[in-house]
Amino acid sequence: MTWSKEQVAYFDQHDDLHIAPFRANGIAGTPTWIWSVVADDRLFVRAYNGVHSSWYQSALAQKAGIIVSHDEQFSVRFKHETNETILEKIDVAYEHKYGPSPYVQAIISPKSRVTTIEILLD
């Protein structure tokens, strides 16, 4: 399944995404608010605290979970993104969407960039 055009547009314009990767026991963790961006009509997130972030570690290990956005819950899969071309587009998307925030430089830094995860509708 893929995100609808309406869902992609919503994710692109809003900042209400909460992520809850499954834990090792198969139960979703506590939903965590996270910055999300859209690049090439695909949904992405990054771990502000880098590779040691607990949600990121769970997303990598379990490759699935849920997200909550716009008062809807979605079953999703997580895919680690390493393609340099798309990573650059994601950097630009973060700068565009969150530019006024003092935290943007951290989310586009190498520490966070290596944690880029695509969220795919399950």
PDB file of N, CA and C in Angstrom:
ATOM      1  N   MET A   1       0.838  -1.190   0.000  1.00  0.00           N
ATOM      2  CA  MET A   1       0.000   0.000   0.000  1.00  0.00           C
ATOM      3  C   MET A   1       0.877   1.246   0.000  1.00  0.00           C
ATOM      4  N   THR A   2       0.327   2.304  -0.521  1.00  0.00           N
ATOM      5  CA  THR A   2       1.047   3.572  -0.525  1.00  0.00           C
ATOM      6  C   THR A   2       0.158   4.652   0.081  1.00  0.00           C
ATOM      7  N   TRP A   3       0.801   5.717   0.532  1.00  0.00           N
ATOM      8  CA  TRP A   3       0.059   6.849   1.065  1.00  0.00           C
ATOM      9  C   TRP A   3      -0.735   7.504  -0.059  1.00  0.00           C
ATOM     10  N   SER A   4      -1.931   7.966   0.234  1.00  0.00           N
ATOM     11  CA  SER A   4      -2.714   8.694  -0.766  1.00  0.00           C
ATOM     12  C   SER A   4      -2.105  10.090  -0.946  1.00  0.00           C
ATOM     13  N   LYS A   5      -2.466  10.736  -2.019  1.00  0.00           N
ATOM     14  CA  LYS A   5      -1.999  12.101  -2.255  1.00  0.00           C
ATOM     15  C   LYS A   5      -2.455  13.031  -1.134  1.00  0.00           C
ATOM     16  N   GLU A   6      -3.665  12.802  -0.631  1.00  0.00           N
ATOM     17  CA  GLU A   6      -4.185  13.624   0.457  1.00  0.00           C
ATOM     18  C   GLU A   6      -3.379  13.413   1.741  1.00  0.00           C
ATOM     19  N   GLN A   7      -3.029  12.166   2.026  1.00  0.00           N
ATOM     20  CA  GLN A   7      -2.227  11.880   3.215  1.00  0.00           C
ATOM     21  C   GLN A   7      -0.844  12.510   3.099  1.00  0.00           C
ATOM     22  N   VAL A   8      -0.220  12.371   1.942  1.00  0.00           N
ATOM     23  CA  VAL A   8       1.100  12.966   1.725  1.00  0.00           C
ATOM     24  C   VAL A   8       1.034  14.476   1.904  1.00  0.00           C
ATOM     25  N   ALA A   9       0.014  15.094   1.349  1.00  0.00           N
ATOM     26  CA  ALA A   9      -0.144  16.547   1.486  1.00  0.00           C
ATOM     27  C   ALA A   9      -0.340  16.928   2.950  1.00  0.00           C
ATOM     28  N   TYR A  10      -1.092  16.138   3.685  1.00  0.00           N
ATOM     29  CA  TYR A  10      -1.301  16.427   5.107  1.00  0.00           C
ATOM     30  C   TYR A  10       0.028  16.340   5.862  1.00  0.00           C
ATOM     31  N   PHE A  11       0.766  15.245   5.659  1.00  0.00           N
ATOM     32  CA  PHE A  11       2.053  15.084   6.340  1.00  0.00           C
ATOM     33  C   PHE A  11       2.996  16.237   6.005  1.00  0.00           C
ATOM     34  N   ASP A  12       2.952  16.666   4.756  1.00  0.00           N
ATOM     35  CA  ASP A  12       3.839  17.738   4.310  1.00  0.00           C
ATOM     36  C   ASP A  12       3.516  19.067   4.997  1.00  0.00           C
ATOM     37  N   GLN A  13       2.255  19.289   5.307  1.00  0.00           N
ATOM     38  CA  GLN A  13       1.826  20.586   5.830  1.00  0.00           C
ATOM     39  C   GLN A  13       1.667  20.635   7.344  1.00  0.00           C
ATOM     40  N   HIS A  14       1.635  19.486   8.004  1.00  0.00           N
ATOM     41  CA  HIS A  14       1.357  19.460   9.439  1.00  0.00           C
ATOM     42  C   HIS A  14       2.498  18.848  10.236  1.00  0.00           C
ATOM     43  N   ASP A  15       2.440  19.106  11.515  1.00  0.00           N
ATOM     44  CA  ASP A  15       3.509  18.670  12.420  1.00  0.00           C
ATOM     45  C   ASP A  15       2.912  17.961  13.638  1.00  0.00           C
ATOM     46  N   ASP A  16       2.179  16.882  13.379  1.00  0.00           N
ATOM     47  CA  ASP A  16       1.517  16.186  14.485  1.00  0.00           C
ATOM     48  C   ASP A  16       1.767  14.678  14.471  1.00  0.00           C
ATOM     49  N   LEU A  17       2.871  14.253  13.855  1.00  0.00           N
ATOM     50  CA  LEU A  17       3.139  12.830  13.727  1.00  0.00           C
ATOM     51  C   LEU A  17       3.766  12.275  15.010  1.00  0.00           C
ATOM     52  N   HIS A  18       3.213  11.174  15.478  1.00  0.00           N
ATOM     53  CA  HIS A  18       3.745  10.445  16.629  1.00  0.00           C
ATOM     54  C   HIS A  18       4.127   9.048  16.149  1.00  0.00           C
ATOM     55  N   ILE A  19       5.299   8.581  16.533  1.00  0.00           N
ATOM     56  CA  ILE A  19       5.837   7.315  16.066  1.00  0.00           C
ATOM     57  C   ILE A  19       5.942   6.335  17.236  1.00  0.00           C
ATOM     58  N   ALA A  20       5.593   5.076  16.973  1.00  0.00           N
ATOM     59  CA  ALA A  20       5.661   4.042  18.005  1.00  0.00           C
ATOM     60  C   ALA A  20       6.100   2.725  17.361  1.00  0.00           C
ATOM     61  N   PRO A  21       7.412   2.549  17.186  1.00  0.00           N
ATOM     62  CA  PRO A  21       7.887   1.265  16.660  1.00  0.00           C
ATOM     63  C   PRO A  21       7.554   0.136  17.638  1.00  0.00           C
ATOM     64  N   PHE A  22       7.396  -1.067  17.090  1.00  0.00           N
ATOM     65  CA  PHE A  22       7.200  -2.216  17.961  1.00  0.00           C
ATOM     66  C   PHE A  22       8.466  -2.472  18.759  1.00  0.00           C
ATOM     67  N   ARG A  23       8.291  -2.947  19.964  1.00  0.00           N
ATOM     68  CA  ARG A  23       9.409  -3.388  20.802  1.00  0.00           C
ATOM     69  C   ARG A  23       9.695  -4.848  20.470  1.00  0.00           C
ATOM     70  N   ALA A  24      10.713  -5.398  21.085  1.00  0.00           N
ATOM     71  CA  ALA A  24      11.085  -6.797  20.844  1.00  0.00           C
ATOM     72  C   ALA A  24       9.946  -7.753  21.180  1.00  0.00           C
ATOM     73  N   ASN A  25       9.068  -7.369  22.128  1.00  0.00           N
ATOM     74  CA  ASN A  25       7.953  -8.236  22.508  1.00  0.00           C
ATOM     75  C   ASN A  25       6.748  -8.094  21.575  1.00  0.00           C
ATOM     76  N   GLY A  26       6.876  -7.283  20.522  1.00  0.00           N
ATOM     77  CA  GLY A  26       5.806  -7.119  19.550  1.00  0.00           C
ATOM     78  C   GLY A  26       4.765  -6.077  19.905  1.00  0.00           C
ATOM     79  N   ILE A  27       4.929  -5.409  21.031  1.00  0.00           N
ATOM     80  CA  ILE A  27       3.997  -4.369  21.462  1.00  0.00           C
ATOM     81  C   ILE A  27       4.566  -3.009  21.076  1.00  0.00           C
ATOM     82  N   ALA A  28       3.692  -2.149  20.550  1.00  0.00           N
ATOM     83  CA  ALA A  28       4.136  -0.805  20.165  1.00  0.00           C
ATOM     84  C   ALA A  28       4.535  -0.011  21.397  1.00  0.00           C
ATOM     85  N   GLY A  29       5.612   0.754  21.256  1.00  0.00           N
ATOM     86  CA  GLY A  29       6.053   1.621  22.334  1.00  0.00           C
ATOM     87  C   GLY A  29       5.121   2.813  22.493  1.00  0.00           C
ATOM     88  N   THR A  30       5.437   3.661  23.430  1.00  0.00           N
ATOM     89  CA  THR A  30       4.664   4.877  23.645  1.00  0.00           C
ATOM     90  C   THR A  30       4.865   5.811  22.451  1.00  0.00           C
ATOM     91  N   PRO A  31       3.787   6.287  21.836  1.00  0.00           N
ATOM     92  CA  PRO A  31       3.949   7.192  20.693  1.00  0.00           C
ATOM     93  C   PRO A  31       4.747   8.440  21.073  1.00  0.00           C
ATOM     94  N   THR A  32       5.748   8.737  20.266  1.00  0.00           N
ATOM     95  CA  THR A  32       6.643   9.867  20.480  1.00  0.00           C
ATOM     96  C   THR A  32       6.441  10.883  19.366  1.00  0.00           C
ATOM     97  N   TRP A  33       6.195  12.147  19.747  1.00  0.00           N
ATOM     98  CA  TRP A  33       6.072  13.187  18.731  1.00  0.00           C
ATOM     99  C   TRP A  33       7.417  13.350  18.042  1.00  0.00           C
ATOM    100  N   ILE A  34       7.377  13.482  16.715  1.00  0.00           N
ATOM    101  CA  ILE A  34       8.611  13.569  15.936  1.00  0.00           C
ATOM    102  C   ILE A  34       8.383  14.448  14.718  1.00  0.00           C
ATOM    103  N   TRP A  35       9.427  15.150  14.338  1.00  0.00           N
ATOM    104  CA  TRP A  35       9.366  15.920  13.098  1.00  0.00           C
ATOM    105  C   TRP A  35       9.324  14.955  11.917  1.00  0.00           C
ATOM    106  N   SER A  36       8.487  15.258  10.962  1.00  0.00           N
ATOM    107  CA  SER A  36       8.398  14.453   9.749  1.00  0.00           C
ATOM    108  C   SER A  36       8.440  15.372   8.542  1.00  0.00           C
ATOM    109  N   VAL A  37       8.934  14.836   7.441  1.00  0.00           N
ATOM    110  CA  VAL A  37       8.960  15.588   6.185  1.00  0.00           C
ATOM    111  C   VAL A  37       8.595  14.669   5.029  1.00  0.00           C
ATOM    112  N   VAL A  38       8.224  15.309   3.949  1.00  0.00           N
ATOM    113  CA  VAL A  38       7.927  14.602   2.708  1.00  0.00           C
ATOM    114  C   VAL A  38       8.959  15.020   1.674  1.00  0.00           C
ATOM    115  N   ALA A  39       9.524  14.016   0.990  1.00  0.00           N
ATOM    116  CA  ALA A  39      10.439  14.256  -0.137  1.00  0.00           C
ATOM    117  C   ALA A  39      10.114  13.221  -1.200  1.00  0.00           C
ATOM    118  N   ASP A  40       9.983  13.657  -2.428  1.00  0.00           N
ATOM    119  CA  ASP A  40       9.596  12.768  -3.533  1.00  0.00           C
ATOM    120  C   ASP A  40       8.316  11.995  -3.210  1.00  0.00           C
ATOM    121  N   ASP A  41       7.367  12.668  -2.566  1.00  0.00           N
ATOM    122  CA  ASP A  41       6.080  12.076  -2.174  1.00  0.00           C
ATOM    123  C   ASP A  41       6.229  10.875  -1.242  1.00  0.00           C
ATOM    124  N   ARG A  42       7.306  10.854  -0.475  1.00  0.00           N
ATOM    125  CA  ARG A  42       7.569   9.792   0.501  1.00  0.00           C
ATOM    126  C   ARG A  42       7.724  10.436   1.876  1.00  0.00           C
ATOM    127  N   LEU A  43       7.343   9.707   2.925  1.00  0.00           N
ATOM    128  CA  LEU A  43       7.342  10.220   4.285  1.00  0.00           C
ATOM    129  C   LEU A  43       8.598   9.763   5.029  1.00  0.00           C
ATOM    130  N   PHE A  44       9.292  10.725   5.661  1.00  0.00           N
ATOM    131  CA  PHE A  44      10.551  10.435   6.348  1.00  0.00           C
ATOM    132  C   PHE A  44      10.592  11.059   7.736  1.00  0.00           C
ATOM    133  N   VAL A  45      11.382  10.429   8.606  1.00  0.00           N
ATOM    134  CA  VAL A  45      11.678  10.957   9.935  1.00  0.00           C
ATOM    135  C   VAL A  45      13.155  10.716  10.223  1.00  0.00           C
ATOM    136  N   ARG A  46      13.656  11.456  11.212  1.00  0.00           N
ATOM    137  CA  ARG A  46      15.037  11.282  11.684  1.00  0.00           C
ATOM    138  C   ARG A  46      15.050  11.369  13.198  1.00  0.00           C
ATOM    139  N   ALA A  47      16.046  10.735  13.777  1.00  0.00           N
ATOM    140  CA  ALA A  47      16.221  10.772  15.227  1.00  0.00           C
ATOM    141  C   ALA A  47      17.110  11.960  15.587  1.00  0.00           C
ATOM    142  N   TYR A  48      16.548  12.920  16.276  1.00  0.00           N
ATOM    143  CA  TYR A  48      17.288  14.115  16.675  1.00  0.00           C
ATOM    144  C   TYR A  48      18.527  13.751  17.492  1.00  0.00           C
ATOM    145  N   ASN A  49      18.401  12.743  18.354  1.00  0.00           N
ATOM    146  CA  ASN A  49      19.506  12.347  19.224  1.00  0.00           C
ATOM    147  C   ASN A  49      20.437  11.314  18.602  1.00  0.00           C
ATOM    148  N   GLY A  50      20.278  11.046  17.331  1.00  0.00           N
ATOM    149  CA  GLY A  50      21.192  10.142  16.651  1.00  0.00           C
ATOM    150  C   GLY A  50      20.865   8.672  16.845  1.00  0.00           C
ATOM    151  N   VAL A  51      21.846   7.833  16.553  1.00  0.00           N
ATOM    152  CA  VAL A  51      21.637   6.383  16.505  1.00  0.00           C
ATOM    153  C   VAL A  51      21.296   5.757  17.848  1.00  0.00           C
ATOM    154  N   HIS A  52      21.498   6.451  18.932  1.00  0.00           N
ATOM    155  CA  HIS A  52      21.204   5.891  20.249  1.00  0.00           C
ATOM    156  C   HIS A  52      19.765   6.138  20.691  1.00  0.00           C
ATOM    157  N   SER A  53      18.993   6.835  19.877  1.00  0.00           N
ATOM    158  CA  SER A  53      17.594   7.094  20.196  1.00  0.00           C
ATOM    159  C   SER A  53      16.836   5.770  20.303  1.00  0.00           C
ATOM    160  N   SER A  54      16.053   5.609  21.353  1.00  0.00           N
ATOM    161  CA  SER A  54      15.372   4.326  21.574  1.00  0.00           C
ATOM    162  C   SER A  54      14.344   4.016  20.489  1.00  0.00           C
ATOM    163  N   TRP A  55      13.584   5.016  20.038  1.00  0.00           N
ATOM    164  CA  TRP A  55      12.613   4.713  18.993  1.00  0.00           C
ATOM    165  C   TRP A  55      13.325   4.292  17.718  1.00  0.00           C
ATOM    166  N   TYR A  56      14.445   4.930  17.410  1.00  0.00           N
ATOM    167  CA  TYR A  56      15.205   4.594  16.204  1.00  0.00           C
ATOM    168  C   TYR A  56      15.734   3.158  16.283  1.00  0.00           C
ATOM    169  N   GLN A  57      16.286   2.787  17.415  1.00  0.00           N
ATOM    170  CA  GLN A  57      16.794   1.424  17.593  1.00  0.00           C
ATOM    171  C   GLN A  57      15.673   0.398  17.398  1.00  0.00           C
ATOM    172  N   SER A  58      14.502   0.674  17.945  1.00  0.00           N
ATOM    173  CA  SER A  58      13.362  -0.234  17.772  1.00  0.00           C
ATOM    174  C   SER A  58      12.894  -0.282  16.320  1.00  0.00           C
ATOM    175  N   ALA A  59      12.864   0.864  15.665  1.00  0.00           N
ATOM    176  CA  ALA A  59      12.447   0.896  14.259  1.00  0.00           C
ATOM    177  C   ALA A  59      13.387   0.078  13.385  1.00  0.00           C
ATOM    178  N   LEU A  60      14.688   0.192  13.639  1.00  0.00           N
ATOM    179  CA  LEU A  60      15.656  -0.586  12.880  1.00  0.00           C
ATOM    180  C   LEU A  60      15.514  -2.086  13.142  1.00  0.00           C
ATOM    181  N   ALA A  61      15.337  -2.430  14.402  1.00  0.00           N
ATOM    182  CA  ALA A  61      15.284  -3.841  14.786  1.00  0.00           C
ATOM    183  C   ALA A  61      13.982  -4.515  14.356  1.00  0.00           C
ATOM    184  N   GLN A  62      12.867  -3.851  14.579  1.00  0.00           N
ATOM    185  CA  GLN A  62      11.563  -4.485  14.328  1.00  0.00           C
ATOM    186  C   GLN A  62      11.000  -4.172  12.945  1.00  0.00           C
ATOM    187  N   LYS A  63      11.435  -3.060  12.368  1.00  0.00           N
ATOM    188  CA  LYS A  63      11.018  -2.631  11.029  1.00  0.00           C
ATOM    189  C   LYS A  63       9.511  -2.427  10.874  1.00  0.00           C
ATOM    190  N   ALA A  64       8.803  -2.258  11.994  1.00  0.00           N
ATOM    191  CA  ALA A  64       7.357  -2.055  11.926  1.00  0.00           C
ATOM    192  C   ALA A  64       6.881  -1.379  13.196  1.00  0.00           C
ATOM    193  N   GLY A  65       5.670  -0.845  13.123  1.00  0.00           N
ATOM    194  CA  GLY A  65       5.073  -0.195  14.278  1.00  0.00           C
ATOM    195  C   GLY A  65       3.819   0.529  13.871  1.00  0.00           C
ATOM    196  N   ILE A  66       3.530   1.605  14.595  1.00  0.00           N
ATOM    197  CA  ILE A  66       2.381   2.434  14.259  1.00  0.00           C
ATOM    198  C   ILE A  66       2.808   3.896  14.267  1.00  0.00           C
ATOM    199  N   ILE A  67       2.053   4.696  13.548  1.00  0.00           N
ATOM    200  CA  ILE A  67       2.157   6.145  13.684  1.00  0.00           C
ATOM    201  C   ILE A  67       0.761   6.667  13.929  1.00  0.00           C
ATOM    202  N   VAL A  68       0.696   7.807  14.567  1.00  0.00           N
ATOM    203  CA  VAL A  68      -0.565   8.493  14.796  1.00  0.00           C
ATOM    204  C   VAL A  68      -0.407   9.903  14.243  1.00  0.00           C
ATOM    205  N   SER A  69      -1.357  10.292  13.409  1.00  0.00           N
ATOM    206  CA  SER A  69      -1.348  11.629  12.827  1.00  0.00           C
ATOM    207  C   SER A  69      -2.778  11.981  12.447  1.00  0.00           C
ATOM    208  N   HIS A  70      -3.142  13.225  12.666  1.00  0.00           N
ATOM    209  CA  HIS A  70      -4.484  13.695  12.294  1.00  0.00           C
ATOM    210  C   HIS A  70      -5.552  12.817  12.947  1.00  0.00           C
ATOM    211  N   ASP A  71      -5.289  12.423  14.196  1.00  0.00           N
ATOM    212  CA  ASP A  71      -6.206  11.576  14.973  1.00  0.00           C
ATOM    213  C   ASP A  71      -6.483  10.223  14.316  1.00  0.00           C
ATOM    214  N   GLU A  72      -5.582   9.779  13.463  1.00  0.00           N
ATOM    215  CA  GLU A  72      -5.692   8.457  12.845  1.00  0.00           C
ATOM    216  C   GLU A  72      -4.454   7.646  13.202  1.00  0.00           C
ATOM    217  N   GLN A  73      -4.660   6.348  13.364  1.00  0.00           N
ATOM    218  CA  GLN A  73      -3.541   5.441  13.630  1.00  0.00           C
ATOM    219  C   GLN A  73      -3.308   4.586  12.390  1.00  0.00           C
ATOM    220  N   PHE A  74      -2.028   4.414  12.031  1.00  0.00           N
ATOM    221  CA  PHE A  74      -1.662   3.639  10.848  1.00  0.00           C
ATOM    222  C   PHE A  74      -0.649   2.567  11.216  1.00  0.00           C
ATOM    223  N   SER A  75      -0.842   1.378  10.685  1.00  0.00           N
ATOM    224  CA  SER A  75       0.182   0.336  10.778  1.00  0.00           C
ATOM    225  C   SER A  75       1.209   0.628   9.695  1.00  0.00           C
ATOM    226  N   VAL A  76       2.482   0.628  10.084  1.00  0.00           N
ATOM    227  CA  VAL A  76       3.528   1.030   9.144  1.00  0.00           C
ATOM    228  C   VAL A  76       4.740   0.110   9.217  1.00  0.00           C
ATOM    229  N   ARG A  77       5.556   0.239   8.183  1.00  0.00           N
ATOM    230  CA  ARG A  77       6.863  -0.403   8.142  1.00  0.00           C
ATOM    231  C   ARG A  77       7.905   0.701   8.091  1.00  0.00           C
ATOM    232  N   PHE A  78       9.103   0.378   8.562  1.00  0.00           N
ATOM    233  CA  PHE A  78      10.201   1.345   8.566  1.00  0.00           C
ATOM    234  C   PHE A  78      11.337   0.833   7.702  1.00  0.00           C
ATOM    235  N   LYS A  79      11.869   1.732   6.887  1.00  0.00           N
ATOM    236  CA  LYS A  79      12.979   1.379   5.997  1.00  0.00           C
ATOM    237  C   LYS A  79      14.084   2.426   6.173  1.00  0.00           C
ATOM    238  N   HIS A  80      15.269   1.959   6.505  1.00  0.00           N
ATOM    239  CA  HIS A  80      16.421   2.855   6.652  1.00  0.00           C
ATOM    240  C   HIS A  80      16.792   3.397   5.278  1.00  0.00           C
ATOM    241  N   GLU A  81      16.954   4.701   5.163  1.00  0.00           N
ATOM    242  CA  GLU A  81      17.276   5.341   3.879  1.00  0.00           C
ATOM    243  C   GLU A  81      18.727   5.799   3.864  1.00  0.00           C
ATOM    244  N   THR A  82      19.472   5.425   2.816  1.00  0.00           N
ATOM    245  CA  THR A  82      20.878   5.808   2.712  1.00  0.00           C
ATOM    246  C   THR A  82      21.235   6.466   1.376  1.00  0.00           C
ATOM    247  N   ASN A  83      20.275   6.585   0.477  1.00  0.00           N
ATOM    248  CA  ASN A  83      20.554   7.165  -0.828  1.00  0.00           C
ATOM    249  C   ASN A  83      20.868   8.653  -0.690  1.00  0.00           C
ATOM    250  N   GLU A  84      22.053   9.048  -1.109  1.00  0.00           N
ATOM    251  CA  GLU A  84      22.528  10.418  -0.927  1.00  0.00           C
ATOM    252  C   GLU A  84      21.620  11.448  -1.596  1.00  0.00           C
ATOM    253  N   THR A  85      21.103  11.141  -2.767  1.00  0.00           N
ATOM    254  CA  THR A  85      20.234  12.085  -3.474  1.00  0.00           C
ATOM    255  C   THR A  85      18.973  12.374  -2.670  1.00  0.00           C
ATOM    256  N   ILE A  86      18.335  11.341  -2.152  1.00  0.00           N
ATOM    257  CA  ILE A  86      17.116  11.565  -1.373  1.00  0.00           C
ATOM    258  C   ILE A  86      17.449  12.196  -0.022  1.00  0.00           C
ATOM    259  N   LEU A  87      18.598  11.846   0.571  1.00  0.00           N
ATOM    260  CA  LEU A  87      18.987  12.462   1.840  1.00  0.00           C
ATOM    261  C   LEU A  87      19.135  13.973   1.696  1.00  0.00           C
ATOM    262  N   GLU A  88      19.682  14.407   0.577  1.00  0.00           N
ATOM    263  CA  GLU A  88      19.812  15.843   0.315  1.00  0.00           C
ATOM    264  C   GLU A  88      18.439  16.502   0.190  1.00  0.00           C
ATOM    265  N   LYS A  89      17.510  15.822  -0.483  1.00  0.00           N
ATOM    266  CA  LYS A  89      16.154  16.353  -0.612  1.00  0.00           C
ATOM    267  C   LYS A  89      15.460  16.425   0.752  1.00  0.00           C
ATOM    268  N   ILE A  90      15.727  15.451   1.596  1.00  0.00           N
ATOM    269  CA  ILE A  90      15.151  15.438   2.941  1.00  0.00           C
ATOM    270  C   ILE A  90      15.714  16.597   3.764  1.00  0.00           C
ATOM    271  N   ASP A  91      17.013  16.867   3.639  1.00  0.00           N
ATOM    272  CA  ASP A  91      17.607  18.027   4.317  1.00  0.00           C
ATOM    273  C   ASP A  91      16.867  19.300   3.936  1.00  0.00           C
ATOM    274  N   VAL A  92      16.649  19.477   2.635  1.00  0.00           N
ATOM    275  CA  VAL A  92      15.959  20.670   2.142  1.00  0.00           C
ATOM    276  C   VAL A  92      14.530  20.717   2.690  1.00  0.00           C
ATOM    277  N   ALA A  93      13.878  19.571   2.729  1.00  0.00           N
ATOM    278  CA  ALA A  93      12.500  19.525   3.251  1.00  0.00           C
ATOM    279  C   ALA A  93      12.456  19.930   4.725  1.00  0.00           C
ATOM    280  N   TYR A  94      13.426  19.459   5.519  1.00  0.00           N
ATOM    281  CA  TYR A  94      13.492  19.867   6.930  1.00  0.00           C
ATOM    282  C   TYR A  94      13.722  21.369   7.052  1.00  0.00           C
ATOM    283  N   GLU A  95      14.634  21.906   6.243  1.00  0.00           N
ATOM    284  CA  GLU A  95      14.903  23.343   6.295  1.00  0.00           C
ATOM    285  C   GLU A  95      13.664  24.146   5.905  1.00  0.00           C
ATOM    286  N   HIS A  96      12.944  23.663   4.914  1.00  0.00           N
ATOM    287  CA  HIS A  96      11.745  24.373   4.453  1.00  0.00           C
ATOM    288  C   HIS A  96      10.629  24.314   5.496  1.00  0.00           C
ATOM    289  N   LYS A  97      10.376  23.138   6.041  1.00  0.00           N
ATOM    290  CA  LYS A  97       9.247  22.962   6.958  1.00  0.00           C
ATOM    291  C   LYS A  97       9.518  23.530   8.354  1.00  0.00           C
ATOM    292  N   TYR A  98      10.752  23.368   8.824  1.00  0.00           N
ATOM    293  CA  TYR A  98      11.067  23.741  10.213  1.00  0.00           C
ATOM    294  C   TYR A  98      12.109  24.856  10.314  1.00  0.00           C
ATOM    295  N   GLY A  99      12.383  25.515   9.206  1.00  0.00           N
ATOM    296  CA  GLY A  99      13.436  26.515   9.121  1.00  0.00           C
ATOM    297  C   GLY A  99      13.581  27.501  10.254  1.00  0.00           C
ATOM    298  N   PRO A 100      12.494  28.045  10.788  1.00  0.00           N
ATOM    299  CA  PRO A 100      12.650  29.016  11.876  1.00  0.00           C
ATOM    300  C   PRO A 100      13.166  28.407  13.181  1.00  0.00           C
ATOM    301  N   SER A 101      13.102  27.106  13.322  1.00  0.00           N
ATOM    302  CA  SER A 101      13.508  26.472  14.578  1.00  0.00           C
ATOM    303  C   SER A 101      15.028  26.411  14.720  1.00  0.00           C
ATOM    304  N   PRO A 102      15.531  26.633  15.931  1.00  0.00           N
ATOM    305  CA  PRO A 102      16.975  26.517  16.160  1.00  0.00           C
ATOM    306  C   PRO A 102      17.459  25.063  16.115  1.00  0.00           C
ATOM    307  N   TYR A 103      16.538  24.109  16.040  1.00  0.00           N
ATOM    308  CA  TYR A 103      16.913  22.690  16.032  1.00  0.00           C
ATOM    309  C   TYR A 103      17.133  22.119  14.629  1.00  0.00           C
ATOM    310  N   VAL A 104      16.854  22.903  13.605  1.00  0.00           N
ATOM    311  CA  VAL A 104      16.990  22.406  12.232  1.00  0.00           C
ATOM    312  C   VAL A 104      18.420  21.972  11.922  1.00  0.00           C
ATOM    313  N   GLN A 105      19.390  22.743  12.348  1.00  0.00           N
ATOM    314  CA  GLN A 105      20.783  22.377  12.033  1.00  0.00           C
ATOM    315  C   GLN A 105      21.150  21.019  12.620  1.00  0.00           C
ATOM    316  N   ALA A 106      20.602  20.699  13.773  1.00  0.00           N
ATOM    317  CA  ALA A 106      20.881  19.390  14.375  1.00  0.00           C
ATOM    318  C   ALA A 106      20.236  18.263  13.586  1.00  0.00           C
ATOM    319  N   ILE A 107      19.021  18.468  13.084  1.00  0.00           N
ATOM    320  CA  ILE A 107      18.314  17.390  12.383  1.00  0.00           C
ATOM    321  C   ILE A 107      18.889  17.137  10.986  1.00  0.00           C
ATOM    322  N   ILE A 108      19.597  18.126  10.433  1.00  0.00           N
ATOM    323  CA  ILE A 108      20.239  17.899   9.133  1.00  0.00           C
ATOM    324  C   ILE A 108      21.736  17.617   9.282  1.00  0.00           C
ATOM    325  N   SER A 109      22.198  17.517  10.516  1.00  0.00           N
ATOM    326  CA  SER A 109      23.614  17.216  10.772  1.00  0.00           C
ATOM    327  C   SER A 109      23.900  15.736  10.484  1.00  0.00           C
ATOM    328  N   PRO A 110      25.166  15.384  10.276  1.00  0.00           N
ATOM    329  CA  PRO A 110      25.518  13.977  10.038  1.00  0.00           C
ATOM    330  C   PRO A 110      25.029  13.039  11.154  1.00  0.00           C
ATOM    331  N   LYS A 111      25.012  13.512  12.392  1.00  0.00           N
ATOM    332  CA  LYS A 111      24.561  12.693  13.530  1.00  0.00           C
ATOM    333  C   LYS A 111      23.116  12.225  13.345  1.00  0.00           C
ATOM    334  N   SER A 112      22.253  13.094  12.881  1.00  0.00           N
ATOM    335  CA  SER A 112      20.850  12.741  12.668  1.00  0.00           C
ATOM    336  C   SER A 112      20.594  12.194  11.271  1.00  0.00           C
ATOM    337  N   ARG A 113      21.321  12.692  10.318  1.00  0.00           N
ATOM    338  CA  ARG A 113      21.107  12.288   8.923  1.00  0.00           C
ATOM    339  C   ARG A 113      21.228  10.779   8.741  1.00  0.00           C
ATOM    340  N   VAL A 114      22.155  10.151   9.461  1.00  0.00           N
ATOM    341  CA  VAL A 114      22.346   8.698   9.319  1.00  0.00           C
ATOM    342  C   VAL A 114      21.172   7.904   9.879  1.00  0.00           C
ATOM    343  N   THR A 115      20.255   8.571  10.566  1.00  0.00           N
ATOM    344  CA  THR A 115      19.099   7.881  11.152  1.00  0.00           C
ATOM    345  C   THR A 115      17.845   8.029  10.306  1.00  0.00           C
ATOM    346  N   THR A 116      17.967   8.438   9.082  1.00  0.00           N
ATOM    347  CA  THR A 116      16.798   8.683   8.233  1.00  0.00           C
ATOM    348  C   THR A 116      16.020   7.394   8.009  1.00  0.00           C
ATOM    349  N   ILE A 117      14.744   7.465   8.306  1.00  0.00           N
ATOM    350  CA  ILE A 117      13.831   6.331   8.171  1.00  0.00           C
ATOM    351  C   ILE A 117      12.658   6.741   7.293  1.00  0.00           C
ATOM    352  N   GLU A 118      12.357   5.904   6.300  1.00  0.00           N
ATOM    353  CA  GLU A 118      11.138   6.103   5.534  1.00  0.00           C
ATOM    354  C   GLU A 118      10.017   5.352   6.214  1.00  0.00           C
ATOM    355  N   ILE A 119       8.854   5.985   6.303  1.00  0.00           N
ATOM    356  CA  ILE A 119       7.681   5.353   6.887  1.00  0.00           C
ATOM    357  C   ILE A 119       6.763   4.927   5.735  1.00  0.00           C
ATOM    358  N   LEU A 120       6.541   3.622   5.664  1.00  0.00           N
ATOM    359  CA  LEU A 120       5.733   3.036   4.592  1.00  0.00           C
ATOM    360  C   LEU A 120       4.439   2.493   5.174  1.00  0.00           C
ATOM    361  N   LEU A 121       3.357   2.745   4.499  1.00  0.00           N
ATOM    362  CA  LEU A 121       2.053   2.244   4.927  1.00  0.00           C
ATOM    363  C   LEU A 121       2.042   0.730   4.773  1.00  0.00           C
ATOM    364  N   ASP A 122       1.615   0.045   5.816  1.00  0.00           N
ATOM    365  CA  ASP A 122       1.610  -1.422   5.800  1.00  0.00           C
ATOM    366  C   ASP A 122       0.341  -1.964   5.170  1.00  0.00           C
TER     367      ASP A 122
END
